[in-house]
């Protein structure tokens, strides 16, 4: 593979099917002020997978999509390298994500992915 200056981690794939999201619910739950993270170790060495969800309790479609976009960007820019191969991550966003500074969101995300408080 040619050296293009990028790190050697596998970018996370997306969870898309309901059955995949439901399977992750059997795993570990990591609660935080901004979101809930569910993590399931699949026991394989494939790229990590990530899924995003925001419930209707949070707000209308516009609000939910803004939350989801902020989460996706935080994972893409700051946390994708911390995700471990063979694990599935589901991030359930909360309304506080909209008012939190992006740096705080990214730090919280990295902390939860690593499994530390």
C-alpha atoms as a PDB file:
ATOM      1  CA  UNK A   1       0.000   0.000   0.000  1.00  0.00           C
ATOM      2  CA  UNK A   2       1.534   3.376  -0.950  1.00  0.00           C
ATOM      3  CA  UNK A   3       2.411   5.817   1.804  1.00  0.00           C
ATOM      4  CA  UNK A   4      -0.002   8.725   1.458  1.00  0.00           C
ATOM      5  CA  UNK A   5       0.514  10.201   4.924  1.00  0.00           C
ATOM      6  CA  UNK A   6      -2.647   8.676   6.392  1.00  0.00           C
ATOM      7  CA  UNK A   7      -2.656   6.537   9.504  1.00  0.00           C
ATOM      8  CA  UNK A   8      -2.948   2.756   9.265  1.00  0.00           C
ATOM      9  CA  UNK A   9      -6.324   2.273  10.947  1.00  0.00           C
ATOM     10  CA  UNK A  10      -9.395   0.815   9.313  1.00  0.00           C
ATOM     11  CA  UNK A  11     -12.134   3.428   8.989  1.00  0.00           C
ATOM     12  CA  UNK A  12     -15.386   2.335  10.617  1.00  0.00           C
ATOM     13  CA  UNK A  13     -18.099   0.877   8.436  1.00  0.00           C
ATOM     14  CA  UNK A  14     -21.753   1.770   9.022  1.00  0.00           C
ATOM     15  CA  UNK A  15     -24.421  -0.306  10.701  1.00  0.00           C
ATOM     16  CA  UNK A  16     -27.513  -0.024   8.535  1.00  0.00           C
ATOM     17  CA  UNK A  17     -29.933  -2.838   9.315  1.00  0.00           C
ATOM     18  CA  UNK A  18     -32.236  -2.966  12.311  1.00  0.00           C
ATOM     19  CA  UNK A  19     -31.014  -6.457  13.217  1.00  0.00           C
ATOM     20  CA  UNK A  20     -27.447  -5.133  13.486  1.00  0.00           C
ATOM     21  CA  UNK A  21     -28.547  -2.347  15.835  1.00  0.00           C
ATOM     22  CA  UNK A  22     -30.538  -4.799  17.966  1.00  0.00           C
ATOM     23  CA  UNK A  23     -27.566  -7.174  18.201  1.00  0.00           C
ATOM     24  CA  UNK A  24     -25.391  -4.414  19.667  1.00  0.00           C
ATOM     25  CA  UNK A  25     -27.919  -3.903  22.477  1.00  0.00           C
ATOM     26  CA  UNK A  26     -26.633  -7.181  24.018  1.00  0.00           C
ATOM     27  CA  UNK A  27     -23.218  -5.584  24.532  1.00  0.00           C
ATOM     28  CA  UNK A  28     -21.738  -3.180  27.027  1.00  0.00           C
ATOM     29  CA  UNK A  29     -23.438   0.164  27.727  1.00  0.00           C
ATOM     30  CA  UNK A  30     -21.379   3.287  28.385  1.00  0.00           C
ATOM     31  CA  UNK A  31     -23.521   6.166  29.612  1.00  0.00           C
ATOM     32  CA  UNK A  32     -22.582   9.800  29.360  1.00  0.00           C
ATOM     33  CA  UNK A  33     -24.147  13.249  29.581  1.00  0.00           C
ATOM     34  CA  UNK A  34     -24.196  13.745  25.810  1.00  0.00           C
ATOM     35  CA  UNK A  35     -24.954  10.242  24.552  1.00  0.00           C
ATOM     36  CA  UNK A  36     -25.271   6.556  25.337  1.00  0.00           C
ATOM     37  CA  UNK A  37     -22.773   4.253  23.651  1.00  0.00           C
ATOM     38  CA  UNK A  38     -23.436   0.558  23.195  1.00  0.00           C
ATOM     39  CA  UNK A  39     -20.438  -1.619  22.310  1.00  0.00           C
ATOM     40  CA  UNK A  40     -20.443  -5.235  21.149  1.00  0.00           C
ATOM     41  CA  UNK A  41     -17.305  -7.292  20.523  1.00  0.00           C
ATOM     42  CA  UNK A  42     -18.006  -9.484  17.483  1.00  0.00           C
ATOM     43  CA  UNK A  43     -14.836 -11.518  17.969  1.00  0.00           C
ATOM     44  CA  UNK A  44     -13.517 -10.919  14.452  1.00  0.00           C
ATOM     45  CA  UNK A  45     -10.681  -8.816  13.040  1.00  0.00           C
ATOM     46  CA  UNK A  46     -12.741  -6.869  10.503  1.00  0.00           C
ATOM     47  CA  UNK A  47     -13.063  -3.093  10.507  1.00  0.00           C
ATOM     48  CA  UNK A  48     -15.136  -1.596  13.331  1.00  0.00           C
ATOM     49  CA  UNK A  49     -18.740  -0.687  12.561  1.00  0.00           C
ATOM     50  CA  UNK A  50     -20.673   2.281  13.903  1.00  0.00           C
ATOM     51  CA  UNK A  51     -24.338   3.247  13.912  1.00  0.00           C
ATOM     52  CA  UNK A  52     -26.090   6.429  15.016  1.00  0.00           C
ATOM     53  CA  UNK A  53     -29.562   6.819  16.405  1.00  0.00           C
ATOM     54  CA  UNK A  54     -31.576   9.636  17.941  1.00  0.00           C
ATOM     55  CA  UNK A  55     -35.015   8.954  19.395  1.00  0.00           C
ATOM     56  CA  UNK A  56     -38.131  10.979  18.667  1.00  0.00           C
ATOM     57  CA  UNK A  57     -38.191  12.113  22.310  1.00  0.00           C
ATOM     58  CA  UNK A  58     -35.324  14.459  21.456  1.00  0.00           C
ATOM     59  CA  UNK A  59     -37.212  16.559  18.928  1.00  0.00           C
ATOM     60  CA  UNK A  60     -38.443  16.825  15.383  1.00  0.00           C
ATOM     61  CA  UNK A  61     -36.589  15.509  12.323  1.00  0.00           C
ATOM     62  CA  UNK A  62     -34.539  18.685  11.897  1.00  0.00           C
ATOM     63  CA  UNK A  63     -33.204  18.511  15.458  1.00  0.00           C
ATOM     64  CA  UNK A  64     -32.528  14.765  15.249  1.00  0.00           C
ATOM     65  CA  UNK A  65     -30.630  15.148  11.982  1.00  0.00           C
ATOM     66  CA  UNK A  66     -28.482  17.985  13.388  1.00  0.00           C
ATOM     67  CA  UNK A  67     -27.550  15.771  16.335  1.00  0.00           C
ATOM     68  CA  UNK A  68     -26.763  12.854  14.034  1.00  0.00           C
ATOM     69  CA  UNK A  69     -24.599  15.044  11.771  1.00  0.00           C
ATOM     70  CA  UNK A  70     -22.583  16.366  14.736  1.00  0.00           C
ATOM     71  CA  UNK A  71     -21.996  12.812  15.965  1.00  0.00           C
ATOM     72  CA  UNK A  72     -20.927  11.583  12.531  1.00  0.00           C
ATOM     73  CA  UNK A  73     -18.458  14.422  12.126  1.00  0.00           C
ATOM     74  CA  UNK A  74     -16.991  13.921  15.606  1.00  0.00           C
ATOM     75  CA  UNK A  75     -16.450  10.227  14.855  1.00  0.00           C
ATOM     76  CA  UNK A  76     -14.985  10.951  11.423  1.00  0.00           C
ATOM     77  CA  UNK A  77     -12.556  13.638  12.560  1.00  0.00           C
ATOM     78  CA  UNK A  78     -11.617  12.666  16.110  1.00  0.00           C
ATOM     79  CA  UNK A  79     -12.640   9.173  17.164  1.00  0.00           C
ATOM     80  CA  UNK A  80     -12.439   6.790  14.197  1.00  0.00           C
ATOM     81  CA  UNK A  81      -8.814   5.914  14.994  1.00  0.00           C
ATOM     82  CA  UNK A  82      -9.721   4.899  18.551  1.00  0.00           C
ATOM     83  CA  UNK A  83     -12.313   2.325  17.462  1.00  0.00           C
ATOM     84  CA  UNK A  84     -11.101  -1.236  17.839  1.00  0.00           C
ATOM     85  CA  UNK A  85     -11.362  -3.743  14.974  1.00  0.00           C
ATOM     86  CA  UNK A  86     -14.100  -6.310  15.370  1.00  0.00           C
ATOM     87  CA  UNK A  87     -16.346  -4.137  17.533  1.00  0.00           C
ATOM     88  CA  UNK A  88     -19.722  -2.605  16.792  1.00  0.00           C
ATOM     89  CA  UNK A  89     -20.606   0.792  18.270  1.00  0.00           C
ATOM     90  CA  UNK A  90     -24.081   2.307  18.458  1.00  0.00           C
ATOM     91  CA  UNK A  91     -24.237   5.919  19.616  1.00  0.00           C
ATOM     92  CA  UNK A  92     -27.609   7.140  20.894  1.00  0.00           C
ATOM     93  CA  UNK A  93     -27.560  10.943  20.800  1.00  0.00           C
ATOM     94  CA  UNK A  94     -29.134  13.255  23.354  1.00  0.00           C
ATOM     95  CA  UNK A  95     -30.327  16.834  22.972  1.00  0.00           C
ATOM     96  CA  UNK A  96     -27.353  18.260  24.935  1.00  0.00           C
ATOM     97  CA  UNK A  97     -25.149  17.532  21.913  1.00  0.00           C
ATOM     98  CA  UNK A  98     -26.540  20.617  20.170  1.00  0.00           C
ATOM     99  CA  UNK A  99     -25.359  23.012  22.871  1.00  0.00           C
ATOM    100  CA  UNK A 100     -22.079  21.316  23.780  1.00  0.00           C
ATOM    101  CA  UNK A 101     -18.871  22.703  22.234  1.00  0.00           C
ATOM    102  CA  UNK A 102     -17.549  20.424  19.496  1.00  0.00           C
ATOM    103  CA  UNK A 103     -14.249  19.876  21.361  1.00  0.00           C
ATOM    104  CA  UNK A 104     -16.165  18.645  24.412  1.00  0.00           C
ATOM    105  CA  UNK A 105     -18.219  16.298  22.233  1.00  0.00           C
ATOM    106  CA  UNK A 106     -15.079  14.908  20.597  1.00  0.00           C
ATOM    107  CA  UNK A 107     -13.326  14.413  23.951  1.00  0.00           C
ATOM    108  CA  UNK A 108     -16.350  12.660  25.450  1.00  0.00           C
ATOM    109  CA  UNK A 109     -16.623  10.426  22.391  1.00  0.00           C
ATOM    110  CA  UNK A 110     -12.965   9.411  22.545  1.00  0.00           C
ATOM    111  CA  UNK A 111     -13.265   8.726  26.280  1.00  0.00           C
ATOM    112  CA  UNK A 112     -16.328   6.502  25.836  1.00  0.00           C
ATOM    113  CA  UNK A 113     -14.779   4.589  22.928  1.00  0.00           C
ATOM    114  CA  UNK A 114     -11.704   3.828  25.019  1.00  0.00           C
ATOM    115  CA  UNK A 115     -13.998   2.722  27.856  1.00  0.00           C
ATOM    116  CA  UNK A 116     -12.751   5.214  30.429  1.00  0.00           C
ATOM    117  CA  UNK A 117     -14.766   7.629  32.494  1.00  0.00           C
END
